[in-house]
Amino acid sequence: MANESTATPASGGWEAKHVYVMATVCLVVGLAVGYFFRGSESAQPLTATSAEPTPSSGGWPTMNGAGVQKMPSLEQMKEMAEKQAASLQAKLKNDPKNASLLIQIGDIYKQTHQFKEAASYYEKSLAIDPKNVAIRTDMASCLYYNGDADGALAQLQQSLEYDPNDANTLFNVGMIKWKAKKDKTGAVAAWRDLLKRNPNLDGRRKATVEKMIADASQPGDS
């Protein structure tokens, strides 16, 4: 996870390049600020395959002349998002209170790294269904990627009011406190709470949390 420490929040948000690089790294690694599980019910890990659009769903990643996958630019991804979301937005005009539609549109924008837009759709869905902890985790992730660590933490704290045992939420609280707030003590406390509240966590995920605790407990600034 060392690569994440190179992207730090700045006043007024991060530069687009930094957001893009960090988001790409986080999606490929499959942890960072996202789902420790792929949704609170399905318990599937976030992977590059499940997190990123496939050629059939949006045409990226693209291939360069050497046959190597090449990530599109932010502008290209924005165009892809608008095309993919168009039909759903048309339906939304006739059913503006449809939380499911709002989430689907938010997912499209998140997957194409349009985090500000994604957060706005997730926020609208949460106004309809505020107890949806999984979507609030998505919204927190988008806020974080867009440079608003405090806003992300506020959303995660609200999630814990609805479900204090949620592993995704507790994992992300730790990640943001460690990487964005430089609060290693707070991060370790969140992860220890995660293990305490989830005694039946499978071995792989438990080992991941234990490693994060060990890493954050090391002396130094990162």
Protein backbone atom coordinates (compact mmCIF):
# COMPACT_ATOMS: atom_id res chain seq x y z
CA MET A 1 0.00 0.00 0.00
CA ALA A 2 3.01 2.29 -0.03
CA ASN A 3 2.02 3.87 -3.34
CA GLU A 4 -1.00 5.51 -1.77
CA SER A 5 1.06 7.78 0.44
CA THR A 6 2.26 9.71 -2.60
CA ALA A 7 -1.19 11.23 -3.10
CA THR A 8 -2.04 13.68 -0.34
CA PRO A 9 -4.96 16.07 -0.02
CA ALA A 10 -4.30 19.71 -0.77
CA SER A 11 -6.33 22.76 0.06
CA GLY A 12 -9.13 23.11 -2.45
CA GLY A 13 -8.89 19.48 -3.58
CA TRP A 14 -6.30 17.49 -5.47
CA GLU A 15 -5.12 18.18 -8.98
CA ALA A 16 -6.91 16.02 -11.55
CA LYS A 17 -3.70 14.15 -12.35
CA HIS A 18 -3.19 13.17 -8.72
CA VAL A 19 -6.79 12.03 -8.34
CA TYR A 20 -6.55 9.95 -11.52
CA VAL A 21 -3.28 8.30 -10.52
CA MET A 22 -4.42 7.50 -7.01
CA ALA A 23 -7.78 6.15 -8.11
CA THR A 24 -6.13 3.92 -10.71
CA VAL A 25 -3.70 2.52 -8.15
CA CYS A 26 -6.45 1.94 -5.62
CA LEU A 27 -8.71 0.12 -8.07
CA VAL A 28 -5.93 -2.13 -9.30
CA VAL A 29 -4.67 -2.97 -5.82
CA GLY A 30 -8.22 -3.72 -4.75
CA LEU A 31 -8.07 -2.29 -1.25
CA ALA A 32 -7.33 1.32 -0.31
CA VAL A 33 -10.46 3.39 0.06
CA GLY A 34 -13.18 1.27 -1.45
CA TYR A 35 -14.79 -1.97 -0.47
CA PHE A 36 -12.91 -4.28 1.83
CA PHE A 37 -15.78 -6.51 0.80
CA ARG A 38 -17.55 -6.02 -2.53
CA GLY A 39 -20.72 -4.93 -0.79
CA SER A 40 -21.78 -5.69 2.77
CA GLU A 41 -23.90 -8.68 1.82
CA SER A 42 -22.04 -10.37 -1.02
CA ALA A 43 -18.64 -10.28 0.74
CA GLN A 44 -16.76 -10.33 -2.57
CA PRO A 45 -13.34 -8.64 -2.71
CA LEU A 46 -12.86 -5.59 -4.89
CA THR A 47 -10.66 -6.46 -7.84
CA ALA A 48 -9.62 -4.73 -11.02
CA THR A 49 -12.05 -6.94 -12.92
CA SER A 50 -15.06 -6.13 -10.77
CA ALA A 51 -14.22 -2.47 -10.27
CA GLU A 52 -13.32 -1.35 -13.76
CA PRO A 53 -15.61 -1.19 -16.79
CA THR A 54 -14.94 -3.84 -19.38
CA PRO A 55 -14.75 -3.26 -23.14
CA SER A 56 -18.30 -4.56 -23.49
CA SER A 57 -19.64 -2.06 -20.97
CA GLY A 58 -17.83 1.05 -22.09
CA GLY A 59 -14.84 0.32 -24.28
CA TRP A 60 -11.99 0.71 -21.82
CA PRO A 61 -9.26 -0.04 -20.88
CA THR A 62 -8.01 0.37 -24.44
CA MET A 63 -5.18 -1.46 -26.14
CA ASN A 64 -2.11 0.24 -27.51
CA GLY A 65 -0.12 -0.96 -30.52
CA ALA A 66 1.86 -3.44 -28.42
CA GLY A 67 -1.31 -5.11 -27.17
CA VAL A 68 -0.93 -3.65 -23.67
CA GLN A 69 -3.91 -2.18 -21.84
CA LYS A 70 -3.85 1.61 -21.71
CA MET A 71 -6.02 3.67 -19.42
CA PRO A 72 -8.03 6.42 -21.12
CA SER A 73 -7.74 10.07 -20.14
CA LEU A 74 -10.09 11.68 -17.64
CA GLU A 75 -11.81 13.51 -20.49
CA GLN A 76 -12.35 10.25 -22.38
CA MET A 77 -13.77 8.63 -19.27
CA LYS A 78 -16.09 11.58 -18.76
CA GLU A 79 -17.44 11.12 -22.29
CA MET A 80 -17.90 7.41 -21.66
CA ALA A 81 -19.77 8.10 -18.43
CA GLU A 82 -22.14 10.55 -20.10
CA LYS A 83 -22.91 8.08 -22.89
CA GLN A 84 -23.46 5.17 -20.51
CA ALA A 85 -25.61 7.21 -18.13
CA ALA A 86 -27.81 8.86 -20.79
CA SER A 87 -30.52 6.19 -20.93
CA LEU A 88 -30.71 5.92 -17.14
CA GLN A 89 -30.92 9.69 -16.76
CA ALA A 90 -33.81 9.70 -19.23
CA LYS A 91 -35.64 7.18 -17.04
CA LEU A 92 -34.79 9.24 -13.97
CA LYS A 93 -36.65 12.24 -15.36
CA ASN A 94 -39.87 10.27 -15.07
CA ASP A 95 -38.94 8.71 -11.74
CA PRO A 96 -36.66 11.13 -9.84
CA LYS A 97 -37.11 9.38 -6.50
CA ASN A 98 -35.89 6.02 -7.77
CA ALA A 99 -32.96 5.24 -5.48
CA SER A 100 -31.88 2.26 -7.58
CA LEU A 101 -31.58 4.39 -10.72
CA LEU A 102 -29.62 7.03 -8.84
CA ILE A 103 -27.21 4.37 -7.60
CA GLN A 104 -26.74 2.89 -11.08
CA ILE A 105 -25.86 6.31 -12.46
CA GLY A 106 -23.55 6.97 -9.54
CA ASP A 107 -21.81 3.66 -10.21
CA ILE A 108 -21.16 4.64 -13.82
CA TYR A 109 -19.56 7.91 -12.80
CA LYS A 110 -17.52 6.24 -10.07
CA GLN A 111 -16.22 3.54 -12.41
CA THR A 112 -15.10 6.22 -14.87
CA HIS A 113 -13.40 8.25 -12.11
CA GLN A 114 -15.91 11.11 -12.22
CA PHE A 115 -16.02 11.15 -8.45
CA LYS A 116 -17.74 14.48 -7.86
CA GLU A 117 -20.66 13.50 -10.10
CA ALA A 118 -20.84 10.02 -8.58
CA ALA A 119 -21.00 11.44 -5.06
CA SER A 120 -23.89 13.72 -6.04
CA TYR A 121 -25.97 10.79 -7.28
CA TYR A 122 -25.16 8.68 -4.24
CA GLU A 123 -26.14 11.62 -2.04
CA LYS A 124 -29.52 11.84 -3.77
CA SER A 125 -30.10 8.11 -3.29
CA LEU A 126 -29.19 8.39 0.40
CA ALA A 127 -31.74 11.15 0.83
CA ILE A 128 -34.29 8.49 -0.13
CA ASP A 129 -32.68 5.55 1.67
CA PRO A 130 -30.32 6.94 4.34
CA LYS A 131 -29.67 3.54 5.93
CA ASN A 132 -27.93 2.12 2.85
CA VAL A 133 -24.49 1.72 4.42
CA ALA A 134 -22.92 0.19 1.30
CA ILE A 135 -23.83 3.22 -0.82
CA ARG A 136 -22.69 5.61 1.87
CA THR A 137 -19.34 3.81 1.73
CA ASP A 138 -19.29 4.42 -2.02
CA MET A 139 -20.07 8.08 -1.49
CA ALA A 140 -17.31 8.37 1.12
CA SER A 141 -14.85 6.80 -1.30
CA CYS A 142 -15.76 9.31 -3.98
CA LEU A 143 -15.40 12.24 -1.61
CA TYR A 144 -11.99 10.97 -0.57
CA TYR A 145 -10.80 10.48 -4.13
CA ASN A 146 -11.97 14.04 -4.84
CA GLY A 147 -9.85 15.42 -2.01
CA ASP A 148 -12.47 15.76 0.74
CA ALA A 149 -11.13 13.48 3.47
CA ASP A 150 -13.14 15.20 6.19
CA GLY A 151 -16.36 14.80 4.24
CA ALA A 152 -15.55 11.13 3.64
CA LEU A 153 -14.94 10.52 7.34
CA ALA A 154 -18.22 12.27 8.21
CA GLN A 155 -20.11 9.92 5.90
CA LEU A 156 -18.37 6.88 7.35
CA GLN A 157 -19.14 7.99 10.90
CA GLN A 158 -22.79 8.30 9.90
CA SER A 159 -22.63 4.76 8.48
CA LEU A 160 -21.36 3.51 11.83
CA GLU A 161 -24.43 4.97 13.50
CA TYR A 162 -26.54 2.64 11.35
CA ASP A 163 -24.17 -0.35 11.51
CA PRO A 164 -21.27 -0.11 13.96
CA ASN A 165 -19.99 -3.53 12.87
CA ASP A 166 -19.65 -2.86 9.14
CA ALA A 167 -16.20 -4.06 8.08
CA ASN A 168 -16.04 -1.86 4.96
CA THR A 169 -16.74 1.26 6.95
CA LEU A 170 -14.25 0.51 9.71
CA PHE A 171 -11.57 -0.46 7.21
CA ASN A 172 -12.00 2.80 5.29
CA VAL A 173 -12.07 4.91 8.44
CA GLY A 174 -8.65 3.47 9.22
CA MET A 175 -7.32 4.06 5.71
CA ILE A 176 -8.41 7.70 5.61
CA LYS A 177 -7.17 8.46 9.10
CA TRP A 178 -3.79 6.94 8.26
CA LYS A 179 -3.18 8.20 4.73
CA ALA A 180 -5.08 11.51 4.64
CA LYS A 181 -5.12 12.64 8.26
CA LYS A 182 -1.76 11.13 9.30
CA ASP A 183 -3.53 9.76 12.38
CA LYS A 184 -1.94 6.35 12.79
CA THR A 185 -3.35 5.94 16.30
CA GLY A 186 -6.89 6.52 15.03
CA ALA A 187 -6.31 4.17 12.10
CA VAL A 188 -5.08 1.34 14.31
CA ALA A 189 -8.01 1.87 16.69
CA ALA A 190 -10.48 1.56 13.80
CA TRP A 191 -8.89 -1.63 12.51
CA ARG A 192 -8.72 -3.20 15.97
CA ASP A 193 -12.38 -2.35 16.39
CA LEU A 194 -13.04 -4.01 13.00
CA LEU A 195 -11.42 -7.25 14.21
CA LYS A 196 -13.21 -7.11 17.54
CA ARG A 197 -16.62 -6.59 15.96
CA ASN A 198 -16.06 -9.18 13.23
CA PRO A 199 -14.60 -12.24 15.00
CA ASN A 200 -15.56 -14.53 12.11
CA LEU A 201 -13.67 -12.54 9.48
CA ASP A 202 -12.09 -14.95 6.99
CA GLY A 203 -8.38 -15.61 7.19
CA ARG A 204 -7.33 -13.58 4.17
CA ARG A 205 -9.14 -10.42 5.20
CA LYS A 206 -8.12 -10.83 8.82
CA ALA A 207 -4.50 -11.12 7.72
CA THR A 208 -4.89 -7.95 5.63
CA VAL A 209 -6.19 -5.97 8.60
CA GLU A 210 -3.47 -7.32 10.86
CA LYS A 211 -0.84 -6.29 8.31
CA MET A 212 -2.33 -2.79 8.08
CA ILE A 213 -2.18 -2.53 11.87
CA ALA A 214 1.45 -3.64 11.85
CA ASP A 215 2.37 -1.23 9.05
CA ALA A 216 0.65 1.73 10.69
CA SER A 217 2.31 0.91 13.99
CA GLN A 218 5.77 1.31 12.49
CA PRO A 219 7.65 4.51 13.41
CA GLY A 220 7.70 7.22 10.76
CA ASP A 221 5.32 9.64 9.08
CA SER A 222 3.68 7.35 6.48
